[in-house]
C-alpha atoms as a PDB file:
ATOM      1  CA  MET A   1      54.922 -12.058  34.028  1.00  0.00           C
ATOM      2  CA  SER A   2      56.727 -15.057  32.504  1.00  0.00           C
ATOM      3  CA  ALA A   3      56.319 -15.961  28.850  1.00  0.00           C
ATOM      4  CA  GLU A   4      54.554 -19.174  29.871  1.00  0.00           C
ATOM      5  CA  THR A   5      52.087 -17.329  32.089  1.00  0.00           C
ATOM      6  CA  GLU A   6      51.482 -14.749  29.375  1.00  0.00           C
ATOM      7  CA  ALA A   7      50.852 -17.487  26.792  1.00  0.00           C
ATOM      8  CA  GLN A   8      48.292 -19.179  29.051  1.00  0.00           C
ATOM      9  CA  ARG A   9      46.613 -15.841  29.776  1.00  0.00           C
ATOM     10  CA  TRP A  10      46.392 -15.047  26.038  1.00  0.00           C
ATOM     11  CA  LEU A  11      44.791 -18.416  25.366  1.00  0.00           C
ATOM     12  CA  ALA A  12      42.399 -18.246  28.313  1.00  0.00           C
ATOM     13  CA  GLU A  13      41.143 -14.818  27.232  1.00  0.00           C
ATOM     14  CA  ARG A  14      40.348 -15.999  23.697  1.00  0.00           C
ATOM     15  CA  HIS A  15      39.666 -19.705  24.147  1.00  0.00           C
ATOM     16  CA  GLY A  16      38.702 -20.181  27.768  1.00  0.00           C
ATOM     17  CA  ASP A  17      36.396 -23.088  27.019  1.00  0.00           C
ATOM     18  CA  ALA A  18      39.301 -25.038  25.502  1.00  0.00           C
ATOM     19  CA  MET A  19      41.797 -24.662  28.343  1.00  0.00           C
ATOM     20  CA  ALA A  20      40.940 -27.992  29.991  1.00  0.00           C
ATOM     21  CA  ARG A  21      41.519 -29.787  26.678  1.00  0.00           C
ATOM     22  CA  LEU A  22      44.811 -27.988  26.166  1.00  0.00           C
ATOM     23  CA  GLU A  23      45.954 -28.792  29.703  1.00  0.00           C
ATOM     24  CA  THR A  24      45.195 -32.450  29.005  1.00  0.00           C
ATOM     25  CA  LEU A  25      47.302 -32.232  25.851  1.00  0.00           C
ATOM     26  CA  VAL A  26      50.238 -30.690  27.706  1.00  0.00           C
ATOM     27  CA  SER A  27      50.104 -33.363  30.402  1.00  0.00           C
ATOM     28  CA  ALA A  28      49.880 -36.174  27.838  1.00  0.00           C
ATOM     29  CA  LEU A  29      52.716 -34.676  25.796  1.00  0.00           C
ATOM     30  CA  ARG A  30      55.035 -34.539  28.803  1.00  0.00           C
ATOM     31  CA  ALA A  31      54.324 -38.187  29.606  1.00  0.00           C
ATOM     32  CA  GLU A  32      54.655 -39.417  26.028  1.00  0.00           C
ATOM     33  CA  ASN A  33      57.857 -37.495  25.435  1.00  0.00           C
ATOM     34  CA  VAL A  34      59.565 -39.821  27.900  1.00  0.00           C
ATOM     35  CA  ARG A  35      58.680 -42.753  25.629  1.00  0.00           C
ATOM     36  CA  GLN A  36      59.306 -41.151  22.247  1.00  0.00           C
ATOM     37  CA  ASN A  37      60.970 -37.902  21.270  1.00  0.00           C
ATOM     38  CA  LEU A  38      57.942 -35.906  20.124  1.00  0.00           C
ATOM     39  CA  VAL A  39      59.455 -32.493  20.855  1.00  0.00           C
ATOM     40  CA  SER A  40      62.826 -31.389  22.169  1.00  0.00           C
ATOM     41  CA  ARG A  41      63.095 -31.660  25.940  1.00  0.00           C
ATOM     42  CA  PRO A  42      64.169 -28.002  26.379  1.00  0.00           C
ATOM     43  CA  SER A  43      61.032 -26.871  24.523  1.00  0.00           C
ATOM     44  CA  LEU A  44      58.838 -28.530  27.166  1.00  0.00           C
ATOM     45  CA  GLU A  45      60.002 -25.863  29.603  1.00  0.00           C
ATOM     46  CA  SER A  46      58.102 -23.339  27.484  1.00  0.00           C
ATOM     47  CA  VAL A  47      55.490 -25.691  26.066  1.00  0.00           C
ATOM     48  CA  TRP A  48      52.618 -23.199  26.256  1.00  0.00           C
ATOM     49  CA  GLN A  49      54.493 -20.584  24.264  1.00  0.00           C
ATOM     50  CA  ARG A  50      56.549 -22.810  21.938  1.00  0.00           C
ATOM     51  CA  HIS A  51      53.873 -25.317  21.001  1.00  0.00           C
ATOM     52  CA  ILE A  52      50.359 -24.447  22.210  1.00  0.00           C
ATOM     53  CA  LEU A  53      50.240 -20.700  21.503  1.00  0.00           C
ATOM     54  CA  ASP A  54      52.458 -21.152  18.460  1.00  0.00           C
ATOM     55  CA  SER A  55      49.735 -23.406  17.038  1.00  0.00           C
ATOM     56  CA  ALA A  56      46.713 -21.427  18.257  1.00  0.00           C
ATOM     57  CA  GLN A  57      47.963 -18.204  16.678  1.00  0.00           C
ATOM     58  CA  LEU A  58      47.084 -19.607  13.238  1.00  0.00           C
ATOM     59  CA  LEU A  59      43.472 -18.748  14.002  1.00  0.00           C
ATOM     60  CA  HIS A  60      44.442 -15.137  14.706  1.00  0.00           C
ATOM     61  CA  VAL A  61      46.748 -14.023  11.899  1.00  0.00           C
ATOM     62  CA  SER A  62      45.832 -10.426  11.221  1.00  0.00           C
ATOM     63  CA  ARG A  63      45.315 -10.522   7.457  1.00  0.00           C
ATOM     64  CA  ALA A  64      43.492 -13.838   7.107  1.00  0.00           C
ATOM     65  CA  ILE A  65      39.882 -14.900   7.396  1.00  0.00           C
ATOM     66  CA  VAL A  66      40.036 -18.564   8.346  1.00  0.00           C
ATOM     67  CA  PRO A  67      37.197 -20.259   6.448  1.00  0.00           C
ATOM     68  CA  ALA A  68      34.842 -22.806   7.949  1.00  0.00           C
ATOM     69  CA  GLY A  69      35.204 -26.371   6.789  1.00  0.00           C
ATOM     70  CA  PRO A  70      37.622 -29.275   7.164  1.00  0.00           C
ATOM     71  CA  TRP A  71      41.266 -28.669   8.086  1.00  0.00           C
ATOM     72  CA  LEU A  72      44.212 -30.750   6.820  1.00  0.00           C
ATOM     73  CA  ASP A  73      47.406 -30.819   8.911  1.00  0.00           C
ATOM     74  CA  LEU A  74      50.343 -32.430   7.123  1.00  0.00           C
ATOM     75  CA  GLY A  75      53.254 -34.001   8.986  1.00  0.00           C
ATOM     76  CA  SER A  76      51.364 -33.628  12.266  1.00  0.00           C
ATOM     77  CA  GLY A  77      54.042 -35.333  14.359  1.00  0.00           C
ATOM     78  CA  ALA A  78      53.485 -34.313  17.970  1.00  0.00           C
ATOM     79  CA  GLY A  79      50.113 -32.791  17.063  1.00  0.00           C
ATOM     80  CA  PHE A  80      51.057 -29.208  16.314  1.00  0.00           C
ATOM     81  CA  PRO A  81      49.170 -27.365  15.103  1.00  0.00           C
ATOM     82  CA  GLY A  82      46.490 -29.981  14.354  1.00  0.00           C
ATOM     83  CA  LEU A  83      45.536 -31.154  17.848  1.00  0.00           C
ATOM     84  CA  VAL A  84      45.492 -27.590  19.153  1.00  0.00           C
ATOM     85  CA  ILE A  85      43.216 -26.425  16.335  1.00  0.00           C
ATOM     86  CA  ALA A  86      40.896 -29.365  16.987  1.00  0.00           C
ATOM     87  CA  ALA A  87      40.791 -28.484  20.695  1.00  0.00           C
ATOM     88  CA  LEU A  88      40.015 -24.829  19.994  1.00  0.00           C
ATOM     89  CA  GLN A  89      37.368 -25.573  17.358  1.00  0.00           C
ATOM     90  CA  PRO A  90      35.648 -28.866  18.224  1.00  0.00           C
ATOM     91  CA  GLU A  91      32.976 -28.128  15.613  1.00  0.00           C
ATOM     92  CA  ARG A  92      35.593 -28.373  12.819  1.00  0.00           C
ATOM     93  CA  MET A  93      36.846 -31.698  11.415  1.00  0.00           C
ATOM     94  CA  VAL A  94      40.634 -31.831  11.503  1.00  0.00           C
ATOM     95  CA  THR A  95      42.606 -34.487   9.616  1.00  0.00           C
ATOM     96  CA  LEU A  96      46.095 -35.221  10.952  1.00  0.00           C
ATOM     97  CA  VAL A  97      48.506 -36.949   8.572  1.00  0.00           C
ATOM     98  CA  ASP A  98      51.823 -38.535   9.480  1.00  0.00           C
ATOM     99  CA  SER A  99      53.849 -41.353   7.913  1.00  0.00           C
ATOM    100  CA  ARG A 100      55.225 -42.679  11.227  1.00  0.00           C
ATOM    101  CA  ARG A 101      53.117 -45.286  13.039  1.00  0.00           C
ATOM    102  CA  LEU A 102      54.309 -44.321  16.531  1.00  0.00           C
ATOM    103  CA  ARG A 103      53.292 -40.733  15.869  1.00  0.00           C
ATOM    104  CA  THR A 104      49.844 -41.603  14.556  1.00  0.00           C
ATOM    105  CA  GLU A 105      49.266 -43.913  17.520  1.00  0.00           C
ATOM    106  CA  TRP A 106      50.170 -41.009  19.806  1.00  0.00           C
ATOM    107  CA  LEU A 107      47.843 -38.650  17.945  1.00  0.00           C
ATOM    108  CA  GLU A 108      44.948 -41.076  18.326  1.00  0.00           C
ATOM    109  CA  ARG A 109      45.595 -41.532  22.061  1.00  0.00           C
ATOM    110  CA  ALA A 110      45.963 -37.804  22.654  1.00  0.00           C
ATOM    111  CA  ALA A 111      42.752 -36.979  20.788  1.00  0.00           C
ATOM    112  CA  ALA A 112      40.911 -39.610  22.839  1.00  0.00           C
ATOM    113  CA  GLU A 113      42.306 -38.284  26.126  1.00  0.00           C
ATOM    114  CA  MET A 114      41.247 -34.770  25.121  1.00  0.00           C
ATOM    115  CA  GLY A 115      37.732 -36.014  24.360  1.00  0.00           C
ATOM    116  CA  LEU A 116      37.907 -34.860  20.746  1.00  0.00           C
ATOM    117  CA  ALA A 117      35.447 -36.405  18.326  1.00  0.00           C
ATOM    118  CA  ASN A 118      36.471 -34.133  15.445  1.00  0.00           C
ATOM    119  CA  VAL A 119      39.894 -35.644  14.731  1.00  0.00           C
ATOM    120  CA  GLU A 120      40.766 -38.058  11.932  1.00  0.00           C
ATOM    121  CA  VAL A 121      44.282 -39.542  12.085  1.00  0.00           C
ATOM    122  CA  VAL A 122      45.748 -40.932   8.860  1.00  0.00           C
ATOM    123  CA  LEU A 123      48.916 -43.039   8.665  1.00  0.00           C
ATOM    124  CA  SER A 124      50.245 -42.210   5.214  1.00  0.00           C
ATOM    125  CA  ARG A 125      52.834 -40.419   3.187  1.00  0.00           C
ATOM    126  CA  VAL A 126      51.408 -37.240   1.701  1.00  0.00           C
ATOM    127  CA  GLU A 127      52.137 -38.577  -1.776  1.00  0.00           C
ATOM    128  CA  ASP A 128      49.862 -41.569  -1.117  1.00  0.00           C
ATOM    129  CA  LEU A 129      46.824 -39.677   0.172  1.00  0.00           C
ATOM    130  CA  ALA A 130      43.649 -39.966  -1.853  1.00  0.00           C
ATOM    131  CA  ASP A 131      42.563 -36.895  -3.810  1.00  0.00           C
ATOM    132  CA  ARG A 132      40.332 -34.597  -1.777  1.00  0.00           C
ATOM    133  CA  THR A 133      40.239 -30.871  -1.020  1.00  0.00           C
ATOM    134  CA  TRP A 134      40.168 -29.010   2.287  1.00  0.00           C
ATOM    135  CA  ALA A 135      39.170 -25.528   3.445  1.00  0.00           C
ATOM    136  CA  VAL A 136      42.458 -25.025   5.328  1.00  0.00           C
ATOM    137  CA  ILE A 137      45.870 -26.679   4.954  1.00  0.00           C
ATOM    138  CA  SER A 138      48.604 -26.372   7.558  1.00  0.00           C
ATOM    139  CA  ALA A 139      52.095 -27.833   7.902  1.00  0.00           C
ATOM    140  CA  ARG A 140      54.538 -26.922  10.646  1.00  0.00           C
ATOM    141  CA  ALA A 141      58.215 -27.475   9.842  1.00  0.00           C
ATOM    142  CA  PHE A 142      57.245 -30.320   7.507  1.00  0.00           C
ATOM    143  CA  ALA A 143      58.924 -29.649   4.154  1.00  0.00           C
ATOM    144  CA  PRO A 144      60.394 -26.752   2.147  1.00  0.00           C
ATOM    145  CA  LEU A 145      57.667 -24.669   0.518  1.00  0.00           C
ATOM    146  CA  ASP A 146      58.361 -25.743  -3.069  1.00  0.00           C
ATOM    147  CA  ARG A 147      58.321 -29.445  -2.146  1.00  0.00           C
ATOM    148  CA  LEU A 148      55.246 -29.015   0.034  1.00  0.00           C
ATOM    149  CA  LEU A 149      53.294 -27.435  -2.813  1.00  0.00           C
ATOM    150  CA  ASP A 150      54.448 -30.128  -5.228  1.00  0.00           C
ATOM    151  CA  MET A 151      53.043 -32.775  -2.871  1.00  0.00           C
ATOM    152  CA  ALA A 152      49.913 -31.042  -1.612  1.00  0.00           C
ATOM    153  CA  ALA A 153      48.604 -28.623  -4.257  1.00  0.00           C
ATOM    154  CA  ARG A 154      46.056 -31.238  -5.350  1.00  0.00           C
ATOM    155  CA  PHE A 155      44.321 -30.869  -1.950  1.00  0.00           C
ATOM    156  CA  SER A 156      43.721 -27.164  -2.530  1.00  0.00           C
ATOM    157  CA  THR A 157      41.162 -25.011  -4.321  1.00  0.00           C
ATOM    158  CA  PRO A 158      41.510 -21.265  -4.975  1.00  0.00           C
ATOM    159  CA  GLU A 159      39.467 -20.756  -1.776  1.00  0.00           C
ATOM    160  CA  THR A 160      41.665 -22.974   0.406  1.00  0.00           C
ATOM    161  CA  LEU A 161      43.667 -21.040   2.998  1.00  0.00           C
ATOM    162  CA  TRP A 162      47.250 -22.203   3.504  1.00  0.00           C
ATOM    163  CA  LEU A 163      48.737 -21.543   6.967  1.00  0.00           C
ATOM    164  CA  LEU A 164      52.395 -22.537   7.113  1.00  0.00           C
ATOM    165  CA  PRO A 165      54.595 -21.713  10.141  1.00  0.00           C
ATOM    166  CA  LYS A 166      58.069 -21.517   8.628  1.00  0.00           C
ATOM    167  CA  GLY A 167      60.456 -20.134  11.220  1.00  0.00           C
ATOM    168  CA  ALA A 168      63.212 -17.685  10.334  1.00  0.00           C
ATOM    169  CA  LYS A 169      63.358 -18.805   6.684  1.00  0.00           C
ATOM    170  CA  ALA A 170      59.761 -17.973   5.822  1.00  0.00           C
ATOM    171  CA  GLN A 171      60.466 -14.935   3.664  1.00  0.00           C
ATOM    172  CA  HIS A 172      63.399 -16.622   1.954  1.00  0.00           C
ATOM    173  CA  GLU A 173      61.332 -19.704   1.092  1.00  0.00           C
ATOM    174  CA  LEU A 174      58.584 -17.545  -0.365  1.00  0.00           C
ATOM    175  CA  GLU A 175      61.004 -15.432  -2.396  1.00  0.00           C
ATOM    176  CA  THR A 176      62.715 -18.491  -3.865  1.00  0.00           C
ATOM    177  CA  LEU A 177      59.488 -20.287  -4.798  1.00  0.00           C
ATOM    178  CA  GLY A 178      59.381 -21.026  -8.505  1.00  0.00           C
ATOM    179  CA  ALA A 179      57.644 -18.471 -10.704  1.00  0.00           C
ATOM    180  CA  ASP A 180      55.435 -21.178 -12.195  1.00  0.00           C
ATOM    181  CA  TRP A 181      53.219 -21.160  -9.082  1.00  0.00           C
ATOM    182  CA  ASN A 182      50.213 -18.857  -9.368  1.00  0.00           C
ATOM    183  CA  ARG A 183      49.577 -17.870  -5.753  1.00  0.00           C
ATOM    184  CA  VAL A 184      48.786 -14.991  -3.438  1.00  0.00           C
ATOM    185  CA  PHE A 185      50.994 -15.663  -0.410  1.00  0.00           C
ATOM    186  CA  HIS A 186      52.583 -13.353   2.127  1.00  0.00           C
ATOM    187  CA  VAL A 187      54.490 -13.649   5.412  1.00  0.00           C
ATOM    188  CA  GLU A 188      53.295 -12.551   8.828  1.00  0.00           C
ATOM    189  CA  GLN A 189      55.466 -12.407  11.928  1.00  0.00           C
ATOM    190  CA  SER A 190      54.897 -15.091  14.533  1.00  0.00           C
ATOM    191  CA  LEU A 191      53.436 -14.031  17.873  1.00  0.00           C
ATOM    192  CA  THR A 192      55.759 -16.394  19.706  1.00  0.00           C
ATOM    193  CA  ASP A 193      59.077 -15.677  17.977  1.00  0.00           C
ATOM    194  CA  SER A 194      59.992 -12.316  16.504  1.00  0.00           C
ATOM    195  CA  SER A 195      62.416 -13.983  14.076  1.00  0.00           C
ATOM    196  CA  ALA A 196      59.865 -16.494  12.754  1.00  0.00           C
ATOM    197  CA  GLY A 197      57.245 -16.081  10.060  1.00  0.00           C
ATOM    198  CA  ILE A 198      54.014 -17.685   8.900  1.00  0.00           C
ATOM    199  CA  ILE A 199      53.390 -18.052   5.177  1.00  0.00           C
ATOM    200  CA  LEU A 200      49.703 -17.719   4.398  1.00  0.00           C
ATOM    201  CA  GLY A 201      47.451 -17.160   1.456  1.00  0.00           C
ATOM    202  CA  HIS A 202      45.797 -18.914  -1.462  1.00  0.00           C
ATOM    203  CA  LEU A 203      47.072 -21.090  -4.267  1.00  0.00           C
ATOM    204  CA  HIS A 204      45.548 -20.817  -7.727  1.00  0.00           C
ATOM    205  CA  GLY A 205      47.557 -23.538  -9.432  1.00  0.00           C
ATOM    206  CA  ARG A 206      50.520 -23.756 -11.738  1.00  0.00           C
ATOM    207  CA  THR A 207      51.293 -22.024 -15.003  1.00  0.00           C
ATOM    208  CA  GLY A 208      53.331 -22.931 -18.052  1.00  0.00           C
ATOM    209  CA  ARG A 209      54.531 -26.480 -18.555  1.00  0.00           C
ATOM    210  CA  ASN A 210      53.305 -27.593 -15.128  1.00  0.00           C
ATOM    211  CA  ALA A 211      49.754 -26.318 -15.555  1.00  0.00           C
ATOM    212  CA  SER A 212      48.393 -29.763 -16.344  1.00  0.00           C
ATOM    213  CA  ARG A 213      49.446 -31.228 -12.982  1.00  0.00           C
ATOM    214  CA  LYS A 214      46.606 -33.416 -11.655  1.00  0.00           C
ATOM    215  CA  ARG A 215      44.382 -31.752  -9.059  1.00  0.00           C
ATOM    216  CA  GLY A 216      42.107 -33.309  -6.465  1.00  0.00           C
ATOM    217  CA  SER A 217      38.336 -32.999  -6.598  1.00  0.00           C
ATOM    218  CA  GLY A 218      35.433 -33.144  -4.182  1.00  0.00           C
ATOM    219  CA  ARG A 219      35.373 -31.848  -0.618  1.00  0.00           C
END
């Protein structure tokens, strides 16, 4: 069984009611990628494993209980993982943030084609987003961990679950994170790439001289 067939089987067994939406996403992605470089062309040959399953696995990490409530996806780009999460959980509001207009226009079109009413697309730099907190925060290959936390910690509460696909450097990024962050993070191996990791856990804020950093309020 090919990796692509296995990825589709895995998804169908766990999220059968979402397969039509995911197939629409794959079709739209292939068409749009001709117009703008959303993902690398070679990765489209294994799109179900590299992009769809790679995103969906965030709902199935073994040592995490994904809380209900709104989901924030930073640097959404081609829509991974945000559009996939929205397709799998249409009852959950998912906010997709990207600073590039062409990307946000694509995200809006894709969500409409998929029939998703639970997607909010925001054209903005992360630094310019209004203060607000979310139940879950994700970012796929968006920024190094220390910079990501500097930008986005104000969107988090101690109950917020961070789900950060980080590739082969996941453990290294976690180990080199400054000691002033008070967090409970760990790395789990990706289901789609044995060399890649997902950083997940909870952030409790900063200590020492950075403890007074402004935090967001209100959900």
